[in-house]
N, C-alpha and C. Protein backbone atom coordinates (compact mmCIF):
# COMPACT_ATOMS: atom_id res chain seq x y z
N GLN A 1 15.89 50.97 20.10
CA GLN A 1 15.54 50.05 18.77
C GLN A 1 17.11 50.22 17.73
N VAL A 2 17.23 49.48 16.96
CA VAL A 2 18.51 49.38 16.02
C VAL A 2 18.09 49.37 14.86
N GLN A 3 18.04 50.06 13.82
CA GLN A 3 17.82 50.16 12.36
C GLN A 3 19.29 49.68 11.85
N LEU A 4 19.34 48.63 10.72
CA LEU A 4 20.36 48.36 9.94
C LEU A 4 20.17 48.37 8.41
N VAL A 5 20.99 49.09 7.81
CA VAL A 5 20.81 49.34 6.37
C VAL A 5 22.05 48.43 5.68
N GLU A 6 21.96 47.76 4.80
CA GLU A 6 22.81 47.22 4.18
C GLU A 6 22.96 47.71 2.67
N SER A 7 24.17 47.51 2.14
CA SER A 7 24.48 48.01 0.70
C SER A 7 25.27 47.38 0.21
N GLY A 8 25.69 47.17 -1.27
CA GLY A 8 26.87 46.76 -1.75
C GLY A 8 26.75 45.54 -2.35
N GLY A 9 25.36 44.56 -2.25
CA GLY A 9 25.61 43.56 -2.93
C GLY A 9 24.83 43.73 -4.56
N GLY A 10 25.15 42.54 -5.23
CA GLY A 10 25.05 42.94 -6.54
C GLY A 10 25.37 41.64 -7.35
N LEU A 11 25.60 41.54 -8.78
CA LEU A 11 26.00 40.27 -9.54
C LEU A 11 27.42 40.68 -10.11
N VAL A 12 28.28 39.65 -9.91
CA VAL A 12 29.64 39.64 -10.24
C VAL A 12 29.98 38.07 -10.65
N GLN A 13 31.02 38.24 -11.54
CA GLN A 13 31.50 36.98 -12.09
C GLN A 13 32.28 36.19 -11.18
N ALA A 14 32.38 35.11 -11.29
CA ALA A 14 33.26 34.23 -10.27
C ALA A 14 34.98 34.86 -10.47
N GLY A 15 35.46 34.80 -9.15
CA GLY A 15 36.84 35.51 -9.13
C GLY A 15 36.71 36.98 -8.66
N GLY A 16 35.70 37.47 -8.81
CA GLY A 16 35.64 39.13 -8.77
C GLY A 16 35.36 39.57 -7.44
N SER A 17 35.00 40.63 -6.91
CA SER A 17 35.09 40.93 -5.38
C SER A 17 33.77 41.90 -5.24
N LEU A 18 33.30 41.96 -4.24
CA LEU A 18 31.91 42.86 -3.86
C LEU A 18 32.43 43.43 -2.37
N ARG A 19 31.97 44.39 -2.02
CA ARG A 19 32.13 44.98 -0.65
C ARG A 19 30.68 45.47 0.19
N LEU A 20 30.41 44.75 0.87
CA LEU A 20 28.97 45.06 1.86
C LEU A 20 29.19 45.98 2.75
N SER A 21 28.60 46.72 2.70
CA SER A 21 28.25 47.63 4.07
C SER A 21 26.85 47.62 4.73
N CYS A 22 27.00 47.88 6.17
CA CYS A 22 25.71 47.52 7.06
C CYS A 22 25.97 48.73 8.06
N ALA A 23 25.30 49.81 8.08
CA ALA A 23 25.36 50.80 8.87
C ALA A 23 23.96 50.72 9.97
N ALA A 24 24.47 51.04 11.15
CA ALA A 24 23.46 50.83 12.43
C ALA A 24 23.16 52.39 12.76
N SER A 25 21.81 52.31 13.01
CA SER A 25 21.38 53.77 13.51
C SER A 25 20.44 53.42 14.74
N GLY A 26 20.11 54.44 15.51
CA GLY A 26 19.19 54.29 16.80
C GLY A 26 19.95 53.98 17.80
N SER A 27 19.81 53.14 18.72
CA SER A 27 20.81 52.87 20.03
C SER A 27 21.94 51.96 19.63
N ARG A 28 22.65 52.56 18.56
CA ARG A 28 23.80 51.71 18.07
C ARG A 28 24.99 51.88 19.28
N PHE A 29 24.68 52.70 20.47
CA PHE A 29 25.68 52.54 21.36
C PHE A 29 25.50 51.15 22.08
N ARG A 30 24.40 50.36 22.11
CA ARG A 30 24.22 49.15 22.62
C ARG A 30 24.95 48.25 22.20
N ILE A 31 25.29 48.45 21.00
CA ILE A 31 25.69 47.11 19.91
C ILE A 31 27.28 46.85 20.50
N ASN A 32 27.53 45.64 20.53
CA ASN A 32 28.80 44.96 20.59
C ASN A 32 29.47 44.30 19.57
N SER A 33 28.93 42.91 19.45
CA SER A 33 29.22 42.33 18.41
C SER A 33 28.66 42.59 17.00
N MET A 34 29.20 42.45 16.00
CA MET A 34 28.39 42.46 14.56
C MET A 34 28.81 41.53 13.76
N GLY A 35 28.00 41.14 12.55
CA GLY A 35 28.39 40.13 11.85
C GLY A 35 27.42 39.89 10.74
N TRP A 36 28.06 39.13 9.75
CA TRP A 36 27.28 38.68 8.47
C TRP A 36 26.73 37.48 8.21
N TYR A 37 25.78 37.19 7.95
CA TYR A 37 25.08 35.78 7.62
C TYR A 37 24.76 35.63 6.30
N ARG A 38 24.51 34.50 5.60
CA ARG A 38 24.04 34.43 4.60
C ARG A 38 22.75 33.30 4.51
N GLN A 39 22.07 33.11 3.47
CA GLN A 39 21.06 32.09 3.12
C GLN A 39 20.74 32.20 1.66
N ALA A 40 21.00 30.74 1.23
CA ALA A 40 21.01 30.30 -0.12
C ALA A 40 19.79 29.71 -0.11
N PRO A 41 19.14 29.68 -1.36
CA PRO A 41 17.85 29.29 -1.45
C PRO A 41 17.87 27.55 -1.01
N GLY A 42 16.96 27.25 -0.61
CA GLY A 42 16.71 25.91 0.05
C GLY A 42 17.56 25.30 1.18
N LYS A 43 18.17 26.67 1.76
CA LYS A 43 19.42 26.19 2.58
C LYS A 43 18.68 27.12 3.94
N GLN A 44 19.56 26.47 5.20
CA GLN A 44 19.31 27.44 6.06
C GLN A 44 20.59 28.62 6.32
N ARG A 45 20.07 29.61 6.92
CA ARG A 45 20.87 30.96 7.31
C ARG A 45 22.32 30.45 7.91
N GLU A 46 23.41 30.95 7.83
CA GLU A 46 24.53 30.45 8.27
C GLU A 46 25.64 31.54 8.59
N LEU A 47 26.00 31.32 9.45
CA LEU A 47 27.23 32.45 9.90
C LEU A 47 28.28 32.46 8.84
N VAL A 48 28.79 33.68 8.18
CA VAL A 48 29.77 33.97 7.41
C VAL A 48 30.91 34.21 8.06
N ALA A 49 30.64 35.58 8.85
CA ALA A 49 31.92 36.24 9.61
C ALA A 49 31.33 37.04 10.81
N HIS A 50 31.97 37.05 11.75
CA HIS A 50 31.67 37.79 13.18
C HIS A 50 32.61 38.73 13.51
N ILE A 51 32.62 39.71 14.35
CA ILE A 51 33.44 40.66 14.49
C ILE A 51 33.08 40.90 16.05
N SER A 52 34.07 41.06 17.06
CA SER A 52 33.50 41.36 18.38
C SER A 52 33.51 43.04 18.53
N GLY A 53 33.32 43.23 19.73
CA GLY A 53 33.41 44.96 20.01
C GLY A 53 35.01 45.10 20.33
N GLY A 54 35.67 44.28 20.56
CA GLY A 54 37.30 44.41 20.48
C GLY A 54 37.87 44.09 19.37
N GLY A 55 37.03 43.65 18.38
CA GLY A 55 37.75 43.46 16.95
C GLY A 55 38.30 42.11 16.59
N ILE A 56 37.97 41.25 17.39
CA ILE A 56 38.18 39.75 17.31
C ILE A 56 37.08 39.21 16.19
N THR A 57 37.96 38.35 15.12
CA THR A 57 37.19 37.93 13.87
C THR A 57 37.00 36.63 14.24
N THR A 58 35.88 35.95 13.43
CA THR A 58 35.67 34.95 13.22
C THR A 58 35.03 34.73 12.12
N TYR A 59 35.22 33.39 11.24
CA TYR A 59 35.12 33.25 9.95
C TYR A 59 34.52 31.65 9.80
N ALA A 60 33.56 31.45 8.66
CA ALA A 60 33.19 30.20 8.41
C ALA A 60 34.14 29.95 7.47
N ASP A 61 34.72 28.41 7.49
CA ASP A 61 35.89 28.01 7.16
C ASP A 61 35.67 28.22 5.44
N SER A 62 34.49 28.03 5.02
CA SER A 62 34.33 28.22 3.45
C SER A 62 34.69 29.52 2.98
N VAL A 63 34.78 30.65 3.78
CA VAL A 63 35.20 32.10 3.26
C VAL A 63 36.50 32.40 4.06
N LYS A 64 37.23 31.46 4.79
CA LYS A 64 38.51 32.00 5.28
C LYS A 64 39.54 32.13 4.10
N GLY A 65 40.04 33.24 4.38
CA GLY A 65 41.35 33.87 3.32
C GLY A 65 40.67 34.55 2.18
N ARG A 66 39.22 34.50 2.06
CA ARG A 66 38.79 35.43 0.88
C ARG A 66 37.84 36.43 1.56
N PHE A 67 37.31 36.36 2.43
CA PHE A 67 36.36 37.50 3.14
C PHE A 67 37.28 38.03 4.08
N THR A 68 36.78 39.38 4.34
CA THR A 68 37.37 40.01 5.57
C THR A 68 36.45 41.12 5.98
N ILE A 69 36.14 40.79 7.32
CA ILE A 69 35.18 41.68 8.03
C ILE A 69 35.88 42.75 8.79
N SER A 70 35.23 43.90 8.53
CA SER A 70 35.73 44.99 9.47
C SER A 70 34.82 45.87 10.01
N ARG A 71 35.02 46.79 10.88
CA ARG A 71 33.94 47.64 11.45
C ARG A 71 34.51 49.11 11.43
N ASP A 72 33.95 50.14 11.76
CA ASP A 72 34.06 51.56 12.04
C ASP A 72 33.23 51.77 13.14
N ASN A 73 33.75 51.63 14.20
CA ASN A 73 32.79 52.01 15.57
C ASN A 73 32.46 53.38 15.47
N ALA A 74 33.18 54.49 14.89
CA ALA A 74 32.66 55.72 14.75
C ALA A 74 31.40 55.84 13.93
N LYS A 75 31.12 55.22 13.07
CA LYS A 75 30.49 55.28 12.04
C LYS A 75 29.26 54.11 12.37
N SER A 76 29.33 53.19 13.33
CA SER A 76 28.67 52.00 13.59
C SER A 76 28.13 51.42 12.44
N THR A 77 29.25 50.98 11.56
CA THR A 77 29.27 50.48 10.32
C THR A 77 30.05 49.17 10.23
N VAL A 78 29.56 47.89 9.80
CA VAL A 78 30.35 46.68 9.20
C VAL A 78 30.44 46.46 7.76
N TYR A 79 31.41 46.22 7.66
CA TYR A 79 32.01 45.71 6.40
C TYR A 79 32.23 44.10 6.15
N LEU A 80 31.88 43.75 4.98
CA LEU A 80 32.50 42.59 4.33
C LEU A 80 33.26 42.56 2.99
N GLN A 81 34.54 42.55 3.10
CA GLN A 81 35.25 42.53 1.77
C GLN A 81 35.16 41.04 1.24
N MET A 82 34.52 41.01 0.02
CA MET A 82 34.63 39.57 -0.39
C MET A 82 35.37 39.61 -1.82
N ASN A 83 36.29 38.59 -1.61
CA ASN A 83 37.15 38.33 -2.71
C ASN A 83 37.38 36.98 -3.40
N SER A 84 37.70 36.69 -4.36
CA SER A 84 37.80 35.47 -5.01
C SER A 84 36.21 34.76 -5.00
N LEU A 85 35.32 35.36 -5.37
CA LEU A 85 34.09 34.78 -5.15
C LEU A 85 33.69 33.78 -5.90
N LYS A 86 33.25 32.81 -5.31
CA LYS A 86 32.60 31.31 -6.14
C LYS A 86 31.01 31.65 -6.18
N PRO A 87 30.67 30.59 -7.22
CA PRO A 87 29.15 30.96 -7.66
C PRO A 87 28.65 30.15 -6.25
N GLU A 88 29.17 29.46 -5.48
CA GLU A 88 28.41 28.80 -4.17
C GLU A 88 28.64 29.94 -3.03
N ASP A 89 28.77 31.01 -3.40
CA ASP A 89 28.66 32.29 -2.52
C ASP A 89 27.32 33.09 -2.81
N THR A 90 26.60 32.60 -3.69
CA THR A 90 25.49 33.04 -4.02
C THR A 90 24.46 32.74 -2.89
N ALA A 91 24.04 34.27 -2.61
CA ALA A 91 23.02 34.05 -1.36
C ALA A 91 22.31 35.63 -1.13
N VAL A 92 21.46 35.42 -0.17
CA VAL A 92 21.43 36.72 0.47
C VAL A 92 21.80 36.93 1.51
N TYR A 93 22.65 38.15 1.91
CA TYR A 93 23.41 38.11 2.91
C TYR A 93 22.72 39.30 3.89
N TYR A 94 22.59 38.73 5.38
CA TYR A 94 22.09 39.76 6.15
C TYR A 94 23.43 40.09 7.42
N CYS A 95 23.13 41.32 7.46
CA CYS A 95 23.94 41.83 8.71
C CYS A 95 22.95 41.46 9.86
N TRP A 96 23.75 41.42 10.81
CA TRP A 96 23.42 41.21 12.41
C TRP A 96 24.16 41.79 13.34
N VAL A 97 23.55 42.16 14.55
CA VAL A 97 24.16 42.63 15.72
C VAL A 97 23.52 42.11 16.59
N ASP A 98 24.47 41.93 18.09
CA ASP A 98 23.90 41.37 19.05
C ASP A 98 22.94 41.81 20.02
N TYR A 99 22.70 43.32 19.96
CA TYR A 99 21.97 44.15 20.95
C TYR A 99 20.41 43.61 20.42
N ASN A 100 19.62 42.95 21.33
CA ASN A 100 18.19 42.43 20.81
C ASN A 100 18.23 41.60 19.75
N ASN A 101 19.41 41.17 19.08
CA ASN A 101 19.27 40.44 18.02
C ASN A 101 18.84 40.67 16.72
N TYR A 102 19.26 41.91 16.49
CA TYR A 102 18.58 42.79 15.17
C TYR A 102 19.14 42.59 13.65
N TRP A 103 18.33 41.99 12.78
CA TRP A 103 18.87 41.67 11.40
C TRP A 103 18.40 42.79 10.69
N GLY A 104 19.59 42.86 9.39
CA GLY A 104 19.08 43.79 8.41
C GLY A 104 18.07 43.22 7.54
N GLN A 105 17.58 44.03 6.51
CA GLN A 105 16.75 43.52 5.35
C GLN A 105 17.23 42.31 4.46
N GLY A 106 18.58 42.30 4.21
CA GLY A 106 19.09 41.50 3.46
C GLY A 106 19.46 41.95 2.16
N THR A 107 20.88 41.76 1.37
CA THR A 107 21.24 42.28 0.23
C THR A 107 21.55 41.08 -0.58
N GLN A 108 21.22 40.85 -2.02
CA GLN A 108 21.50 39.91 -2.60
C GLN A 108 22.80 39.60 -3.05
N VAL A 109 23.75 38.63 -3.46
CA VAL A 109 24.92 38.56 -3.64
C VAL A 109 24.55 37.34 -4.77
N THR A 110 24.72 37.73 -6.14
CA THR A 110 25.07 36.67 -7.20
C THR A 110 26.17 36.49 -7.76
N VAL A 111 26.88 35.25 -7.70
CA VAL A 111 28.23 34.86 -8.71
C VAL A 111 27.90 34.07 -9.61
N SER A 112 28.09 34.46 -10.93
CA SER A 112 27.87 34.05 -11.98
C SER A 112 29.33 33.28 -12.40
N SER A 113 29.25 31.74 -12.81
CA SER A 113 30.14 31.23 -13.43
C SER A 113 30.83 31.35 -14.89
């Protein structure tokens, strides 16, 4: 099993920044890819960013140039640096890993205008 613990969400004004963290524990050696998804009220969960075991990154078009995903393999932790936040970035953000498709509990990000 893998446990994912997220942190770093909160309330920020438009144009501000937040950094999300997601630490994996348990069978973390089985993890290859990690990522962040988000779900806004009334909308489907969508991919925000993804990073492979080799460090290849993928971003949703809506966050390119503003968000950066990174990982620390020694700590089994994935990060999401979010800059130039917009009200439309408001959502619950979920950490994800490919091993058995585990999800974190979610952390709320609210961007005020």
